[in-house]
Amino acid sequence: MKRFRLFWLLLGMVTLVLGTIGIFLPLLPTVPFYLATVFCFARSSDRLHDWFLQTSLYASTVGTYKKRGGMTCGMKARVLLLVSVLFGMAIFFMRKHWIPCGIVAVVWLVHIYVFLFRIKTLKSSELKREEK
């Protein structure tokens, strides 16, 4: 039984690191890695699981989406701005290679579509009322 707890702990640490890297690199999805971290930590240690749910990393990326099923306009704008800058840089550095640039452009457009039309937009005033 102890081996499995150690396995879940190590896997949780790996997914936490990957999710945190995903904040800065849009090619790594932050939310799925953080959800996997919660799952792994819940299997390894109740204390670790509770700690992760209280961190600002979790609250700012997954917490609002998990609680309310959406993001505020400001959250969406920050994510889309960062993603657009990073994808733009990727296209700039690969500009001589049309196929990879096309793939990056399609992924970028899908990302924009999902954030604008598939993820519910929450009013920030509602979130502020809930926090009080």
N, C-alpha and C. Protein backbone atom coordinates (compact mmCIF):
# COMPACT_ATOMS: atom_id res chain seq x y z
N MET A 1 0.82 -1.20 0.00
CA MET A 1 0.00 0.00 0.00
C MET A 1 0.86 1.26 0.00
N LYS A 2 1.99 1.23 0.71
CA LYS A 2 2.86 2.39 0.78
C LYS A 2 3.49 2.71 -0.58
N ARG A 3 3.76 1.67 -1.37
CA ARG A 3 4.33 1.90 -2.70
C ARG A 3 3.38 2.68 -3.58
N PHE A 4 2.10 2.34 -3.49
CA PHE A 4 1.11 3.05 -4.31
C PHE A 4 1.01 4.51 -3.90
N ARG A 5 1.08 4.80 -2.60
CA ARG A 5 1.03 6.18 -2.13
C ARG A 5 2.24 6.95 -2.64
N LEU A 6 3.39 6.32 -2.63
CA LEU A 6 4.60 6.95 -3.15
C LEU A 6 4.48 7.19 -4.65
N PHE A 7 3.93 6.21 -5.37
CA PHE A 7 3.71 6.36 -6.81
C PHE A 7 2.82 7.57 -7.09
N TRP A 8 1.68 7.68 -6.37
CA TRP A 8 0.75 8.79 -6.59
C TRP A 8 1.39 10.12 -6.21
N LEU A 9 2.21 10.12 -5.16
CA LEU A 9 2.89 11.33 -4.76
C LEU A 9 3.86 11.80 -5.85
N LEU A 10 4.67 10.89 -6.37
CA LEU A 10 5.63 11.24 -7.42
C LEU A 10 4.91 11.69 -8.69
N LEU A 11 3.87 10.98 -9.07
CA LEU A 11 3.10 11.37 -10.26
C LEU A 11 2.45 12.73 -10.05
N GLY A 12 1.97 13.00 -8.84
CA GLY A 12 1.39 14.31 -8.54
C GLY A 12 2.41 15.42 -8.64
N MET A 13 3.62 15.16 -8.19
CA MET A 13 4.68 16.16 -8.29
C MET A 13 5.02 16.46 -9.75
N VAL A 14 5.08 15.40 -10.56
CA VAL A 14 5.38 15.58 -11.99
C VAL A 14 4.28 16.41 -12.66
N THR A 15 3.02 16.09 -12.39
CA THR A 15 1.92 16.83 -13.02
C THR A 15 1.86 18.27 -12.50
N LEU A 16 2.24 18.50 -11.24
CA LEU A 16 2.30 19.86 -10.71
C LEU A 16 3.36 20.68 -11.44
N VAL A 17 4.53 20.10 -11.64
CA VAL A 17 5.60 20.80 -12.35
C VAL A 17 5.18 21.09 -13.80
N LEU A 18 4.61 20.10 -14.47
CA LEU A 18 4.18 20.30 -15.86
C LEU A 18 3.09 21.35 -15.96
N GLY A 19 2.15 21.33 -15.02
CA GLY A 19 1.09 22.34 -15.03
C GLY A 19 1.63 23.74 -14.78
N THR A 20 2.59 23.86 -13.89
CA THR A 20 3.19 25.16 -13.62
C THR A 20 3.98 25.66 -14.82
N ILE A 21 4.69 24.77 -15.48
CA ILE A 21 5.38 25.16 -16.72
C ILE A 21 4.36 25.60 -17.77
N GLY A 22 3.20 24.93 -17.76
CA GLY A 22 2.14 25.27 -18.72
C GLY A 22 1.57 26.67 -18.55
N ILE A 23 1.80 27.29 -17.40
CA ILE A 23 1.37 28.68 -17.23
C ILE A 23 2.14 29.58 -18.19
N PHE A 24 3.41 29.25 -18.40
CA PHE A 24 4.27 30.08 -19.24
C PHE A 24 4.38 29.57 -20.67
N LEU A 25 4.13 28.30 -20.90
CA LEU A 25 4.18 27.73 -22.25
C LEU A 25 2.79 27.23 -22.63
N PRO A 26 2.14 27.86 -23.59
CA PRO A 26 0.78 27.47 -23.92
C PRO A 26 0.68 26.09 -24.58
N LEU A 27 1.80 25.51 -24.94
CA LEU A 27 1.74 24.18 -25.53
C LEU A 27 1.44 23.11 -24.49
N LEU A 28 1.70 23.40 -23.22
CA LEU A 28 1.35 22.50 -22.12
C LEU A 28 0.08 23.02 -21.46
N PRO A 29 -0.97 22.23 -21.44
CA PRO A 29 -2.22 22.71 -20.85
C PRO A 29 -2.17 22.69 -19.32
N THR A 30 -2.33 23.82 -18.70
CA THR A 30 -2.24 23.94 -17.25
C THR A 30 -3.38 23.23 -16.54
N VAL A 31 -4.60 23.48 -16.95
CA VAL A 31 -5.76 22.97 -16.23
C VAL A 31 -5.77 21.44 -16.14
N PRO A 32 -5.60 20.70 -17.24
CA PRO A 32 -5.61 19.24 -17.09
C PRO A 32 -4.50 18.73 -16.18
N PHE A 33 -3.32 19.35 -16.24
CA PHE A 33 -2.24 18.91 -15.35
C PHE A 33 -2.57 19.20 -13.90
N TYR A 34 -3.18 20.34 -13.62
CA TYR A 34 -3.55 20.65 -12.24
C TYR A 34 -4.68 19.74 -11.75
N LEU A 35 -5.60 19.40 -12.62
CA LEU A 35 -6.64 18.44 -12.23
C LEU A 35 -6.03 17.07 -11.94
N ALA A 36 -5.05 16.68 -12.74
CA ALA A 36 -4.35 15.41 -12.49
C ALA A 36 -3.58 15.49 -11.17
N THR A 37 -3.02 16.66 -10.86
CA THR A 37 -2.31 16.84 -9.60
C THR A 37 -3.25 16.64 -8.42
N VAL A 38 -4.44 17.23 -8.49
CA VAL A 38 -5.42 17.06 -7.42
C VAL A 38 -5.77 15.59 -7.25
N PHE A 39 -5.99 14.91 -8.35
CA PHE A 39 -6.32 13.48 -8.31
C PHE A 39 -5.19 12.67 -7.66
N CYS A 40 -3.96 12.92 -8.11
CA CYS A 40 -2.82 12.16 -7.58
C CYS A 40 -2.57 12.46 -6.11
N PHE A 41 -2.65 13.74 -5.74
CA PHE A 41 -2.43 14.10 -4.34
C PHE A 41 -3.53 13.52 -3.45
N ALA A 42 -4.76 13.45 -3.95
CA ALA A 42 -5.85 12.86 -3.16
C ALA A 42 -5.58 11.38 -2.92
N ARG A 43 -4.94 10.72 -3.85
CA ARG A 43 -4.61 9.30 -3.68
C ARG A 43 -3.41 9.09 -2.75
N SER A 44 -2.53 10.09 -2.67
CA SER A 44 -1.31 9.90 -1.90
C SER A 44 -1.43 10.41 -0.46
N SER A 45 -2.05 11.59 -0.28
CA SER A 45 -2.07 12.19 1.05
C SER A 45 -3.20 13.20 1.15
N ASP A 46 -4.03 13.08 2.17
CA ASP A 46 -5.11 14.05 2.38
C ASP A 46 -4.55 15.44 2.67
N ARG A 47 -3.49 15.49 3.43
CA ARG A 47 -2.88 16.78 3.79
C ARG A 47 -2.34 17.50 2.55
N LEU A 48 -1.66 16.76 1.68
CA LEU A 48 -1.12 17.33 0.46
C LEU A 48 -2.23 17.79 -0.48
N HIS A 49 -3.28 16.99 -0.58
CA HIS A 49 -4.43 17.33 -1.41
C HIS A 49 -5.07 18.62 -0.93
N ASP A 50 -5.31 18.73 0.37
CA ASP A 50 -5.92 19.94 0.92
C ASP A 50 -5.03 21.16 0.72
N TRP A 51 -3.72 20.97 0.86
CA TRP A 51 -2.77 22.07 0.65
C TRP A 51 -2.87 22.59 -0.78
N PHE A 52 -2.87 21.69 -1.76
CA PHE A 52 -2.88 22.12 -3.15
C PHE A 52 -4.16 22.86 -3.50
N LEU A 53 -5.29 22.43 -2.95
CA LEU A 53 -6.55 23.12 -3.23
C LEU A 53 -6.55 24.55 -2.69
N GLN A 54 -5.70 24.84 -1.70
CA GLN A 54 -5.64 26.17 -1.11
C GLN A 54 -4.63 27.10 -1.79
N THR A 55 -3.81 26.57 -2.69
CA THR A 55 -2.77 27.40 -3.31
C THR A 55 -3.38 28.39 -4.31
N SER A 56 -2.69 29.50 -4.50
CA SER A 56 -3.17 30.50 -5.45
C SER A 56 -3.04 30.01 -6.89
N LEU A 57 -2.07 29.13 -7.15
CA LEU A 57 -1.93 28.56 -8.49
C LEU A 57 -3.21 27.85 -8.90
N TYR A 58 -3.71 27.00 -8.01
CA TYR A 58 -4.93 26.24 -8.30
C TYR A 58 -6.12 27.19 -8.38
N ALA A 59 -6.23 28.08 -7.41
CA ALA A 59 -7.39 28.97 -7.35
C ALA A 59 -7.48 29.87 -8.58
N SER A 60 -6.34 30.37 -9.04
CA SER A 60 -6.39 31.31 -10.16
C SER A 60 -6.56 30.64 -11.51
N THR A 61 -6.21 29.38 -11.64
CA THR A 61 -6.32 28.74 -12.95
C THR A 61 -7.50 27.78 -13.04
N VAL A 62 -7.70 26.99 -12.03
CA VAL A 62 -8.72 25.95 -12.10
C VAL A 62 -9.90 26.24 -11.19
N GLY A 63 -9.64 26.88 -10.07
CA GLY A 63 -10.66 27.07 -9.04
C GLY A 63 -11.93 27.71 -9.55
N THR A 64 -11.82 28.85 -10.20
CA THR A 64 -13.00 29.56 -10.71
C THR A 64 -13.70 28.74 -11.79
N TYR A 65 -12.92 28.15 -12.67
CA TYR A 65 -13.52 27.35 -13.74
C TYR A 65 -14.25 26.14 -13.15
N LYS A 66 -13.66 25.52 -12.16
CA LYS A 66 -14.28 24.33 -11.55
C LYS A 66 -15.54 24.69 -10.76
N LYS A 67 -15.47 25.79 -10.01
CA LYS A 67 -16.61 26.20 -9.19
C LYS A 67 -17.77 26.69 -10.04
N ARG A 68 -17.46 27.53 -11.01
CA ARG A 68 -18.51 28.23 -11.75
C ARG A 68 -18.66 27.80 -13.20
N GLY A 69 -17.72 27.03 -13.72
CA GLY A 69 -17.82 26.56 -15.10
C GLY A 69 -17.47 27.62 -16.13
N GLY A 70 -16.72 28.63 -15.73
CA GLY A 70 -16.36 29.68 -16.65
C GLY A 70 -15.24 30.54 -16.11
N MET A 71 -14.93 31.60 -16.87
CA MET A 71 -13.87 32.54 -16.49
C MET A 71 -14.36 33.95 -16.74
N THR A 72 -13.79 34.91 -16.02
CA THR A 72 -14.15 36.31 -16.25
C THR A 72 -13.48 36.80 -17.54
N CYS A 73 -13.95 37.94 -18.03
CA CYS A 73 -13.35 38.51 -19.24
C CYS A 73 -11.88 38.80 -19.03
N GLY A 74 -11.54 39.28 -17.85
CA GLY A 74 -10.13 39.59 -17.56
C GLY A 74 -9.26 38.35 -17.60
N MET A 75 -9.75 37.25 -17.02
CA MET A 75 -8.99 35.99 -17.06
C MET A 75 -8.81 35.52 -18.49
N LYS A 76 -9.89 35.57 -19.24
CA LYS A 76 -9.82 35.16 -20.64
C LYS A 76 -8.85 36.03 -21.42
N ALA A 77 -8.91 37.33 -21.19
CA ALA A 77 -8.04 38.26 -21.92
C ALA A 77 -6.57 37.98 -21.61
N ARG A 78 -6.25 37.74 -20.33
CA ARG A 78 -4.85 37.45 -19.96
C ARG A 78 -4.36 36.19 -20.63
N VAL A 79 -5.19 35.14 -20.59
CA VAL A 79 -4.79 33.88 -21.20
C VAL A 79 -4.62 34.05 -22.71
N LEU A 80 -5.59 34.68 -23.35
CA LEU A 80 -5.52 34.85 -24.80
C LEU A 80 -4.35 35.74 -25.22
N LEU A 81 -4.06 36.76 -24.44
CA LEU A 81 -2.91 37.63 -24.76
C LEU A 81 -1.61 36.84 -24.66
N LEU A 82 -1.42 36.13 -23.57
CA LEU A 82 -0.20 35.36 -23.39
C LEU A 82 -0.06 34.29 -24.47
N VAL A 83 -1.15 33.59 -24.75
CA VAL A 83 -1.11 32.55 -25.77
C VAL A 83 -0.82 33.15 -27.14
N SER A 84 -1.44 34.27 -27.45
CA SER A 84 -1.21 34.90 -28.75
C SER A 84 0.23 35.35 -28.91
N VAL A 85 0.81 35.92 -27.86
CA VAL A 85 2.20 36.36 -27.93
C VAL A 85 3.12 35.16 -28.14
N LEU A 86 2.90 34.11 -27.36
CA LEU A 86 3.78 32.94 -27.47
C LEU A 86 3.61 32.20 -28.80
N PHE A 87 2.38 32.06 -29.27
CA PHE A 87 2.17 31.43 -30.57
C PHE A 87 2.74 32.31 -31.68
N GLY A 88 2.59 33.63 -31.53
CA GLY A 88 3.16 34.55 -32.52
C GLY A 88 4.67 34.42 -32.59
N MET A 89 5.30 34.28 -31.42
CA MET A 89 6.75 34.07 -31.40
C MET A 89 7.13 32.76 -32.08
N ALA A 90 6.35 31.72 -31.82
CA ALA A 90 6.63 30.43 -32.45
C ALA A 90 6.54 30.53 -33.97
N ILE A 91 5.50 31.20 -34.45
CA ILE A 91 5.35 31.37 -35.90
C ILE A 91 6.49 32.22 -36.46
N PHE A 92 6.88 33.27 -35.73
CA PHE A 92 7.98 34.12 -36.18
C PHE A 92 9.27 33.32 -36.33
N PHE A 93 9.59 32.50 -35.35
CA PHE A 93 10.84 31.75 -35.40
C PHE A 93 10.81 30.60 -36.40
N MET A 94 9.61 30.15 -36.78
CA MET A 94 9.51 29.05 -37.76
C MET A 94 9.00 29.55 -39.10
N ARG A 95 9.09 30.84 -39.36
CA ARG A 95 8.45 31.44 -40.54
C ARG A 95 8.90 30.83 -41.87
N LYS A 96 10.04 30.21 -41.94
CA LYS A 96 10.51 29.61 -43.19
C LYS A 96 9.94 28.21 -43.42
N HIS A 97 9.31 27.67 -42.40
CA HIS A 97 8.75 26.32 -42.49
C HIS A 97 7.22 26.42 -42.45
N TRP A 98 6.60 26.30 -43.61
CA TRP A 98 5.17 26.56 -43.74
C TRP A 98 4.29 25.56 -43.02
N ILE A 99 4.64 24.31 -43.06
CA ILE A 99 3.77 23.29 -42.45
C ILE A 99 3.70 23.45 -40.93
N PRO A 100 4.83 23.54 -40.23
CA PRO A 100 4.73 23.75 -38.77
C PRO A 100 4.02 25.07 -38.42
N CYS A 101 4.26 26.11 -39.21
CA CYS A 101 3.57 27.38 -38.96
C CYS A 101 2.07 27.23 -39.13
N GLY A 102 1.66 26.48 -40.12
CA GLY A 102 0.23 26.23 -40.33
C GLY A 102 -0.38 25.46 -39.18
N ILE A 103 0.33 24.48 -38.67
CA ILE A 103 -0.16 23.70 -37.54
C ILE A 103 -0.30 24.59 -36.31
N VAL A 104 0.72 25.39 -36.04
CA VAL A 104 0.67 26.31 -34.90
C VAL A 104 -0.48 27.30 -35.06
N ALA A 105 -0.68 27.81 -36.26
CA ALA A 105 -1.77 28.76 -36.51
C ALA A 105 -3.14 28.11 -36.28
N VAL A 106 -3.31 26.88 -36.72
CA VAL A 106 -4.59 26.18 -36.51
C VAL A 106 -4.83 25.95 -35.02
N VAL A 107 -3.81 25.51 -34.30
CA VAL A 107 -3.95 25.29 -32.85
C VAL A 107 -4.28 26.61 -32.16
N TRP A 108 -3.65 27.68 -32.58
CA TRP A 108 -3.92 29.00 -32.00
C TRP A 108 -5.37 29.42 -32.26
N LEU A 109 -5.85 29.24 -33.48
CA LEU A 109 -7.23 29.60 -33.80
C LEU A 109 -8.24 28.77 -33.03
N VAL A 110 -7.96 27.49 -32.87
CA VAL A 110 -8.85 26.62 -32.08
C VAL A 110 -8.86 27.09 -30.63
N HIS A 111 -7.71 27.44 -30.12
CA HIS A 111 -7.61 27.94 -28.75
C HIS A 111 -8.45 29.20 -28.57
N ILE A 112 -8.36 30.11 -29.50
CA ILE A 112 -9.15 31.35 -29.43
C ILE A 112 -10.64 31.02 -29.51
N TYR A 113 -11.02 30.14 -30.42
CA TYR A 113 -12.43 29.76 -30.55
C TYR A 113 -12.96 29.19 -29.25
N VAL A 114 -12.21 28.27 -28.66
CA VAL A 114 -12.66 27.63 -27.41
C VAL A 114 -12.82 28.67 -26.31
N PHE A 115 -11.85 29.54 -26.15
CA PHE A 115 -11.93 30.53 -25.08
C PHE A 115 -13.05 31.54 -25.31
N LEU A 116 -13.28 31.92 -26.54
CA LEU A 116 -14.31 32.93 -26.80
C LEU A 116 -15.72 32.36 -26.83
N PHE A 117 -15.89 31.15 -27.37
CA PHE A 117 -17.24 30.66 -27.61
C PHE A 117 -17.64 29.43 -26.81
N ARG A 118 -16.70 28.70 -26.25
CA ARG A 118 -17.05 27.47 -25.54
C ARG A 118 -16.95 27.59 -24.02
N ILE A 119 -16.10 28.47 -23.53
CA ILE A 119 -15.96 28.67 -22.09
C ILE A 119 -16.85 29.84 -21.70
N LYS A 120 -17.71 29.59 -20.73
CA LYS A 120 -18.67 30.59 -20.29
C LYS A 120 -17.95 31.81 -19.71
N THR A 121 -18.46 32.99 -20.04
CA THR A 121 -17.90 34.23 -19.51
C THR A 121 -18.68 34.64 -18.27
N LEU A 122 -17.96 34.79 -17.16
CA LEU A 122 -18.57 35.17 -15.89
C LEU A 122 -18.41 36.67 -15.67
N LYS A 123 -19.33 37.23 -14.92
CA LYS A 123 -19.22 38.65 -14.55
C LYS A 123 -18.34 38.74 -13.31
N SER A 124 -17.39 39.65 -13.34
CA SER A 124 -16.47 39.78 -12.20
C SER A 124 -17.20 40.26 -10.95
N SER A 125 -18.30 40.99 -11.11
CA SER A 125 -19.05 41.46 -9.94
C SER A 125 -19.66 40.27 -9.17
N GLU A 126 -20.07 39.24 -9.89
CA GLU A 126 -20.61 38.04 -9.23
C GLU A 126 -19.54 37.33 -8.42
N LEU A 127 -18.33 37.26 -8.96
CA LEU A 127 -17.25 36.60 -8.24
C LEU A 127 -16.86 37.37 -7.00
N LYS A 128 -16.84 38.70 -7.09
CA LYS A 128 -16.48 39.52 -5.93
C LYS A 128 -17.53 39.36 -4.82
N ARG A 129 -18.81 39.27 -5.18
CA ARG A 129 -19.86 39.06 -4.19
C ARG A 129 -19.71 37.72 -3.49
N GLU A 130 -19.34 36.69 -4.25
CA GLU A 130 -19.17 35.35 -3.68
C GLU A 130 -18.00 35.29 -2.72
N GLU A 131 -16.93 36.06 -3.00
CA GLU A 131 -15.75 36.02 -2.14
C GLU A 131 -16.02 36.65 -0.78
N LYS A 132 -16.96 37.58 -0.72
CA LYS A 132 -17.24 38.26 0.56
C LYS A 132 -18.05 37.43 1.49
